[in-house]
């Protein structure tokens, strides 16, 4: 575990100011997660025959974070050169330090599993930090018709309802870019539950700015982005009063180190939002629409149904409908002929009864 001096120096670098004792307590889970990842690399270095760095260079990490905050419009390559000119570390450790810095500043993991709508999350050498964040969290300026329609049905998007209707399970993630991301292959919805970090960001970011303005003002993330995450978790997925959804949240908090237990104390009054349906969504609007579509069109219950669904096109449906029509007509004709034959036989029997030999 880090010393108090290391922790204070680190949080001052990350948030651009010295935090109070209470603010440090709020960030307890966030800091614990960071030191856990640091220890993970230290432990791996002990394995014989593997070429791992012996430990994370704390001074280099703090210096890198300070340089990113001070020069968010400069490219990654410029920041890296500035950081590692005075502090010599290997290329492998540079990559690791960049990953840690982004995790600490914005809770984004550039080496996490990639999904279709968050591809290429890697921070490129010619890209500024501001541009990287804009790509990680694209802003949707208006409210689409799909979103407005989805917001009318947010009460149906609770964690319990998603599980009951769609057999979807919620899984905690410490990667903010994966919040509300649905993995169809596993029927898993990823949820970001580091409440303490988001509350700390909110306590600093008083102005409603975009990503560029937020970074220039010295904040970590836009206030709107942080609010969207908190509202979608505490008011949509795990709303107050929904005991079954709250049980799911408690289970996540018990089983996953990626969960800050402060999420169990979520309340709509904390974020000055009355109804989730009345709140504006600009960063996670598309994913809310995706949740609505899942409720309207639940995924297949099993592999067979999935195969049928994946191999059924509109053209095939048309041919099946036409075939069904012909089959219905054939059996209708067959029934008619059978009826006629029955009538003829009955008439003949009637004639034979009327004229006995």
Foldseek 3Di string as FASTA:
>chain_A
DDDPVLVQLQVCLQQVHGDDPVLCVLCVLVVVVLVVVQVVQCVVCPDPPDDGDNGQDSVLLSQLSNLLLVCQQAFQQVSLCVSCVVPPDDPVNSVVSVQSSCCSLPLAGQPDDDDDQLPPLDRDRRGGNLRSVCSLFPWAPDADPLLLVLLVPLQCLAQVNCCVQFVAAEAEDSHLSQALPADPVVSYGYAQASLSVLVVLLVPQVDQDQSVVCSVVSGRHGNQSSLVRLCCLDARHNDPPPVVSLVSVVVNVVPDSRHDCCNNVRDCVVSVDDHSSVDDDTRCSVSSSVSSVCNVPHADPDDVRNVCVVPDDPVNVVVVVVVVVVVVVVVVVVVVVVVVVVVVVVVVVVVCVVPPD
